[in-house]
Amino acid sequence: MTGIRGLSAARRRPGVLGVHSLDHFSMSVPDLEKAKNFYDAFGLDVRRNGCHLTLHTNDHPHCWGVLSEGHRKKLLYVSFGAFEDDLPRFREHLGAMNIERLPAPPGFESNGLWFRNLDGLPIEIRVAEKVSPDFKSRFTAPSAGPAVRGTISRSKAPTTRPRRLAHVATYTSDVPRAVEFYTRVLGLRLSDSSEGNVAFMHGAHGSDHHMIALARSDGPGLHHCSWDVGGIQDVGLGAMQMANKGYDQGWGMGRHVLGSNYFHYIRDPWGSYSEYSADMDYIPADVDWAASDHHGNDSFYLWGPSPPADFVRNFETDNQA
């Protein structure tokens, strides 16, 4: 079941040049052991790979994140996946737009194309499997019938383990220009925006409402990485398991307006967030989504507690050296 009635999912939109997935992200952090403890508690499969940590989801071979140690937390690059036969077309496309190509980072094996976005953040387009879903993710909200206990005891609560990386939210100094860049260069499409402060972009070949969000700041950075889970119960249990490990700062539970997902954000040791996300809107490859710009007071969240006062603060530009 796709969760979208009357539509057949299409794995690829014919004749359209565009990345198909958010493949992974990379950032440096001051302490890899703290990072391992945080993401282990979050329910990810954290693996040591030489001098890096790689982030995986349970029983899934794909690497969703690469963490290295540095003197401060910093988003290093964002990688997008493309179909193999589209890579030569992307190479010609970048050349036609006079976008300067970069070498891959030292020690990094890449089959892809590297360049910088408008804020100087390295971006990769690489040949990779399509990990953006071809159907709306399964969402469960079970309800017990009469004379049946509806839940389990707290001691038997399962660990929340995300299924996949859903999206990243990154900072940019100019949201409209960033939207135009990602549209022209990567073939992403605008889903929704709000008053030049935030924008959400999806893939033309079928994806969630957004695989990347763009938030206004004075420079680049990572606001949050978002991880798909199966239901409201998973969101709530995830928040509880993190609080039990001492990670009790964040925002949630609530429901967003743009994207419609249920959420709970957990603040990491460096001021950015990891989000449990469930039931996000889905845009199939054969659907042209009607993007809209929304008033700020009517676009952030439908219900939930008030966000922390510094929720949108970019700690990376605070600590630039």
Protein backbone atom coordinates (compact mmCIF):
# COMPACT_ATOMS: atom_id res chain seq x y z
CA MET A 1 0.00 0.00 0.00
CA THR A 2 1.33 3.43 -0.91
CA GLY A 3 -0.89 5.32 1.51
CA ILE A 4 -1.97 7.49 -1.47
CA ARG A 5 -5.13 6.20 -3.08
CA GLY A 6 -5.71 6.38 -6.80
CA LEU A 7 -2.05 6.99 -7.68
CA SER A 8 0.55 4.53 -8.91
CA ALA A 9 4.06 5.19 -7.68
CA ALA A 10 6.67 5.90 -10.35
CA ARG A 11 10.31 5.26 -9.58
CA ARG A 12 11.49 7.82 -12.10
CA ARG A 13 10.03 10.80 -13.90
CA PRO A 14 10.97 10.35 -17.58
CA GLY A 15 13.11 13.02 -19.20
CA VAL A 16 13.81 14.95 -15.99
CA LEU A 17 17.36 15.56 -14.79
CA GLY A 18 17.36 15.62 -11.01
CA VAL A 19 18.89 13.91 -8.02
CA HIS A 20 16.69 11.13 -6.66
CA SER A 21 17.76 10.98 -2.99
CA LEU A 22 19.47 12.62 -0.09
CA ASP A 23 22.29 10.08 0.16
CA HIS A 24 24.08 11.18 3.34
CA PHE A 25 25.51 14.11 5.27
CA SER A 26 28.84 14.66 6.96
CA MET A 27 29.86 16.80 9.91
CA SER A 28 32.71 17.22 12.32
CA VAL A 29 32.17 17.17 16.07
CA PRO A 30 34.56 17.92 18.95
CA ASP A 31 34.19 14.49 20.57
CA LEU A 32 33.42 11.30 18.62
CA GLU A 33 32.77 9.32 21.81
CA LYS A 34 30.04 11.76 22.84
CA ALA A 35 28.60 11.52 19.34
CA LYS A 36 28.60 7.72 19.48
CA ASN A 37 26.81 7.76 22.84
CA PHE A 38 24.18 10.20 21.55
CA TYR A 39 23.35 8.37 18.31
CA ASP A 40 23.48 4.96 20.01
CA ALA A 41 20.89 6.22 22.49
CA PHE A 42 18.83 7.61 19.60
CA GLY A 43 18.49 4.09 18.20
CA LEU A 44 20.94 4.21 15.30
CA ASP A 45 23.55 1.63 14.38
CA VAL A 46 26.78 3.57 14.92
CA ARG A 47 29.90 2.01 13.44
CA ARG A 48 33.56 2.92 13.74
CA ASN A 49 35.25 3.17 10.36
CA GLY A 50 38.87 4.18 10.81
CA CYS A 51 38.91 7.72 12.16
CA HIS A 52 35.20 8.21 11.36
CA LEU A 53 31.84 7.18 12.72
CA THR A 54 29.20 6.12 10.23
CA LEU A 55 25.48 6.24 10.97
CA HIS A 56 23.22 3.39 9.86
CA THR A 57 19.67 2.35 10.66
CA ASN A 58 18.79 -1.05 12.04
CA ASP A 59 19.43 -3.89 9.55
CA HIS A 60 20.00 -1.42 6.69
CA PRO A 61 23.32 -1.41 4.80
CA HIS A 62 23.16 2.22 3.71
CA CYS A 63 25.39 4.82 5.37
CA TRP A 64 23.31 7.90 6.21
CA GLY A 65 25.94 10.00 7.97
CA VAL A 66 29.72 10.34 8.34
CA LEU A 67 31.14 11.98 11.46
CA SER A 68 34.74 13.05 11.94
CA GLU A 69 36.48 14.72 14.86
CA GLY A 70 37.24 18.44 14.66
CA HIS A 71 37.72 21.36 16.99
CA ARG A 72 34.07 22.37 16.60
CA LYS A 73 30.80 21.07 15.25
CA LYS A 74 30.53 21.87 11.54
CA LEU A 75 28.48 20.60 8.62
CA LEU A 76 31.14 19.43 6.14
CA TYR A 77 29.09 18.46 3.09
CA VAL A 78 25.77 17.07 1.85
CA SER A 79 25.67 14.24 -0.68
CA PHE A 80 22.81 13.52 -3.11
CA GLY A 81 22.22 10.34 -5.10
CA ALA A 82 21.60 10.23 -8.85
CA PHE A 83 20.86 7.55 -11.42
CA GLU A 84 24.01 6.23 -13.16
CA ASP A 85 23.00 7.39 -16.63
CA ASP A 86 22.30 10.89 -15.31
CA LEU A 87 25.83 11.52 -14.01
CA PRO A 88 27.28 12.43 -17.47
CA ARG A 89 24.31 14.74 -17.99
CA PHE A 90 24.97 16.38 -14.62
CA ARG A 91 28.63 16.81 -15.60
CA GLU A 92 27.60 18.65 -18.77
CA HIS A 93 24.95 20.58 -16.84
CA LEU A 94 27.46 21.90 -14.30
CA GLY A 95 29.85 22.87 -17.07
CA ALA A 96 27.13 24.75 -18.96
CA MET A 97 26.39 26.76 -15.82
CA ASN A 98 30.09 27.46 -15.22
CA ILE A 99 29.95 25.90 -11.76
CA GLU A 100 33.47 25.28 -10.50
CA ARG A 101 34.18 21.64 -9.75
CA LEU A 102 35.99 20.56 -6.59
CA PRO A 103 38.14 17.51 -5.83
CA ALA A 104 36.69 15.00 -3.40
CA PRO A 105 37.74 15.56 0.22
CA PRO A 106 41.16 14.05 1.09
CA GLY A 107 40.95 10.32 1.74
CA PHE A 108 37.36 10.14 0.45
CA GLU A 109 36.52 7.73 -2.35
CA SER A 110 33.85 9.20 -4.61
CA ASN A 111 32.36 8.42 -8.00
CA GLY A 112 30.61 11.78 -7.99
CA LEU A 113 30.76 15.45 -8.82
CA TRP A 114 31.74 18.00 -6.17
CA PHE A 115 31.04 21.74 -6.08
CA ARG A 116 29.93 24.42 -3.61
CA ASN A 117 26.51 25.89 -2.99
CA LEU A 118 25.90 29.61 -2.61
CA ASP A 119 27.10 29.59 1.02
CA GLY A 120 30.29 27.70 0.22
CA LEU A 121 29.09 24.33 1.53
CA PRO A 122 30.47 21.40 -0.50
CA ILE A 123 27.79 19.39 -2.33
CA GLU A 124 28.23 16.00 -3.96
CA ILE A 125 26.15 14.36 -6.70
CA ARG A 126 27.04 10.67 -6.75
CA VAL A 127 25.81 7.49 -8.40
CA ALA A 128 23.90 5.69 -5.67
CA GLU A 129 20.89 3.52 -4.97
CA LYS A 130 17.60 5.37 -4.67
CA VAL A 131 17.01 5.53 -0.92
CA SER A 132 14.30 8.15 -1.14
CA PRO A 133 11.10 6.08 -0.86
CA ASP A 134 8.94 5.11 -3.83
CA PHE A 135 5.85 4.98 -1.61
CA LYS A 136 4.58 6.87 1.39
CA SER A 137 6.17 5.33 4.46
CA ARG A 138 4.04 2.91 6.46
CA PHE A 139 2.40 4.60 9.45
CA THR A 140 0.69 2.73 12.26
CA ALA A 141 -1.68 4.02 14.93
CA PRO A 142 -3.23 0.89 16.43
CA SER A 143 -6.27 1.12 18.65
CA ALA A 144 -7.44 -1.75 20.85
CA GLY A 145 -11.01 -2.93 20.76
CA PRO A 146 -13.41 -3.17 23.71
CA ALA A 147 -12.29 -5.19 26.75
CA VAL A 148 -8.68 -5.31 25.47
CA ARG A 149 -5.74 -3.57 27.14
CA GLY A 150 -4.47 -0.97 24.69
CA THR A 151 -0.81 -0.76 25.66
CA ILE A 152 2.03 -2.55 27.38
CA SER A 153 3.78 -1.91 30.66
CA ARG A 154 6.55 0.64 30.65
CA SER A 155 9.18 -1.97 31.51
CA LYS A 156 8.38 -3.81 28.27
CA ALA A 157 8.54 -0.77 26.00
CA PRO A 158 10.62 -1.47 22.87
CA THR A 159 13.53 0.66 21.75
CA THR A 160 12.70 3.14 19.00
CA ARG A 161 14.93 2.43 16.02
CA PRO A 162 14.59 4.76 13.01
CA ARG A 163 14.07 3.19 9.60
CA ARG A 164 15.95 5.69 7.43
CA LEU A 165 17.25 9.24 7.21
CA ALA A 166 14.25 11.32 6.17
CA HIS A 167 15.81 14.76 5.55
CA VAL A 168 18.31 17.32 6.74
CA ALA A 169 17.60 20.96 7.55
CA THR A 170 20.50 23.25 6.68
CA TYR A 171 21.10 26.95 7.14
CA THR A 172 21.59 29.41 4.30
CA SER A 173 22.14 33.15 4.14
CA ASP A 174 19.49 33.61 1.42
CA VAL A 175 16.59 31.17 1.24
CA PRO A 176 15.07 32.28 -2.12
CA ARG A 177 18.49 32.20 -3.84
CA ALA A 178 19.23 28.80 -2.30
CA VAL A 179 15.91 27.46 -3.63
CA GLU A 180 16.77 28.77 -7.08
CA PHE A 181 20.24 27.15 -6.88
CA TYR A 182 18.99 23.73 -5.81
CA THR A 183 16.26 23.89 -8.47
CA ARG A 184 18.61 24.78 -11.34
CA VAL A 185 21.60 22.72 -10.32
CA LEU A 186 20.19 19.58 -8.66
CA GLY A 187 16.70 19.48 -10.14
CA LEU A 188 14.98 19.62 -6.75
CA ARG A 189 11.49 21.12 -6.56
CA LEU A 190 9.97 23.54 -4.10
CA SER A 191 7.29 22.01 -1.88
CA ASP A 192 6.44 24.93 0.41
CA SER A 193 8.06 28.03 1.88
CA SER A 194 7.40 30.73 4.47
CA GLU A 195 8.26 34.39 4.03
CA GLY A 196 11.90 33.91 3.02
CA ASN A 197 12.69 32.26 6.35
CA VAL A 198 12.38 28.59 5.44
CA ALA A 199 11.79 26.45 2.35
CA PHE A 200 11.24 22.73 1.78
CA MET A 201 12.34 20.86 -1.36
CA HIS A 202 11.53 17.41 -2.75
CA GLY A 203 12.90 15.18 -5.48
CA ALA A 204 11.28 14.94 -8.91
CA HIS A 205 11.56 11.13 -8.92
CA GLY A 206 9.32 10.62 -5.88
CA SER A 207 10.20 11.57 -2.33
CA ASP A 208 8.87 12.80 0.98
CA HIS A 209 7.55 16.37 1.11
CA HIS A 210 11.14 17.40 1.69
CA MET A 211 14.53 15.74 1.53
CA ILE A 212 16.16 19.05 2.40
CA ALA A 213 14.92 22.09 4.32
CA LEU A 214 16.57 25.50 4.05
CA ALA A 215 16.46 27.88 7.01
CA ARG A 216 17.64 31.50 7.05
CA SER A 217 20.79 32.31 8.99
CA ASP A 218 24.01 34.28 8.54
CA GLY A 219 25.91 31.31 7.16
CA PRO A 220 25.82 27.57 6.49
CA GLY A 221 25.29 24.89 9.10
CA LEU A 222 23.16 21.93 10.14
CA HIS A 223 19.98 22.60 12.09
CA HIS A 224 18.81 18.99 12.31
CA CYS A 225 18.85 15.55 10.79
CA SER A 226 15.45 13.86 10.69
CA TRP A 227 14.81 10.12 10.98
CA ASP A 228 11.68 8.27 9.86
CA VAL A 229 9.84 6.10 12.39
CA GLY A 230 6.62 4.13 12.12
CA GLY A 231 4.11 5.95 14.30
CA ILE A 232 3.28 8.34 17.13
CA GLN A 233 4.12 5.61 19.64
CA ASP A 234 7.66 5.41 18.22
CA VAL A 235 8.05 9.19 18.45
CA GLY A 236 6.94 9.23 22.08
CA LEU A 237 8.99 6.20 23.11
CA GLY A 238 12.02 7.68 21.37
CA ALA A 239 11.69 10.88 23.37
CA MET A 240 11.42 8.82 26.56
CA GLN A 241 14.44 6.62 25.79
CA MET A 242 16.55 9.72 25.15
CA ALA A 243 15.37 11.42 28.34
CA ASN A 244 16.23 8.27 30.29
CA LYS A 245 19.80 8.57 28.95
CA GLY A 246 20.05 12.22 29.99
CA TYR A 247 19.17 13.79 26.63
CA ASP A 248 16.09 15.68 27.77
CA GLN A 249 16.55 18.98 25.94
CA GLY A 250 14.60 19.50 22.75
CA TRP A 251 11.14 20.19 21.40
CA GLY A 252 8.03 18.05 21.05
CA MET A 253 5.90 16.11 20.76
CA GLY A 254 3.99 18.03 18.12
CA ARG A 255 2.81 18.06 14.53
CA HIS A 256 4.21 20.26 11.78
CA VAL A 257 2.07 22.10 9.24
CA LEU A 258 4.42 22.00 6.22
CA GLY A 259 5.11 18.31 5.68
CA SER A 260 2.45 17.32 8.24
CA ASN A 261 4.77 15.00 10.18
CA TYR A 262 4.58 14.23 13.89
CA PHE A 263 7.86 15.20 15.53
CA HIS A 264 10.07 15.24 18.57
CA TYR A 265 13.49 16.92 18.41
CA ILE A 266 16.39 16.01 20.70
CA ARG A 267 19.23 18.47 21.12
CA ASP A 268 22.67 16.96 20.61
CA PRO A 269 25.72 18.01 22.68
CA TRP A 270 26.59 20.77 20.16
CA GLY A 271 23.29 22.59 19.74
CA SER A 272 21.82 20.92 16.65
CA TYR A 273 19.00 18.38 16.72
CA SER A 274 18.01 14.88 15.72
CA GLU A 275 14.30 14.48 14.97
CA TYR A 276 12.01 11.49 15.26
CA SER A 277 9.55 11.99 12.39
CA ALA A 278 6.42 10.05 11.44
CA ASP A 279 3.80 10.28 8.68
CA MET A 280 5.29 13.01 6.47
CA ASP A 281 3.44 13.99 3.30
CA TYR A 282 4.64 12.12 0.21
CA ILE A 283 4.98 13.43 -3.37
CA PRO A 284 5.01 10.69 -6.07
CA ALA A 285 7.08 11.09 -9.22
CA ASP A 286 3.98 11.52 -11.37
CA VAL A 287 2.50 14.37 -9.29
CA ASP A 288 3.18 18.11 -9.69
CA TRP A 289 2.92 19.46 -6.16
CA ALA A 290 1.42 22.95 -5.88
CA ALA A 291 4.03 24.86 -3.88
CA SER A 292 2.81 27.76 -1.74
CA ASP A 293 4.34 30.46 0.43
CA HIS A 294 2.76 30.48 3.88
CA HIS A 295 2.42 33.10 6.61
CA GLY A 296 4.93 32.42 9.39
CA ASN A 297 2.31 32.22 12.14
CA ASP A 298 0.40 29.57 10.23
CA SER A 299 3.20 27.38 8.90
CA PHE A 300 5.40 26.10 11.72
CA TYR A 301 3.44 23.64 13.85
CA LEU A 302 -0.20 22.71 14.23
CA TRP A 303 0.04 21.67 17.87
CA GLY A 304 2.67 21.01 20.50
CA PRO A 305 4.62 22.91 23.14
CA SER A 306 6.31 26.22 22.35
CA PRO A 307 9.77 25.69 20.83
CA PRO A 308 12.89 26.68 22.80
CA ALA A 309 13.83 30.34 22.45
CA ASP A 310 17.05 29.42 20.62
CA PHE A 311 15.53 26.68 18.46
CA VAL A 312 16.59 28.32 15.17
CA ARG A 313 20.00 29.57 16.40
CA ASN A 314 22.93 28.57 14.20
CA PHE A 315 25.60 27.50 16.67
CA GLU A 316 28.07 26.91 13.84
CA THR A 317 28.31 30.61 12.93
CA ASP A 318 28.51 31.47 16.65
CA ASN A 319 31.74 29.51 16.94
CA GLN A 320 33.52 30.19 13.71
CA ALA A 321 37.30 30.32 14.01
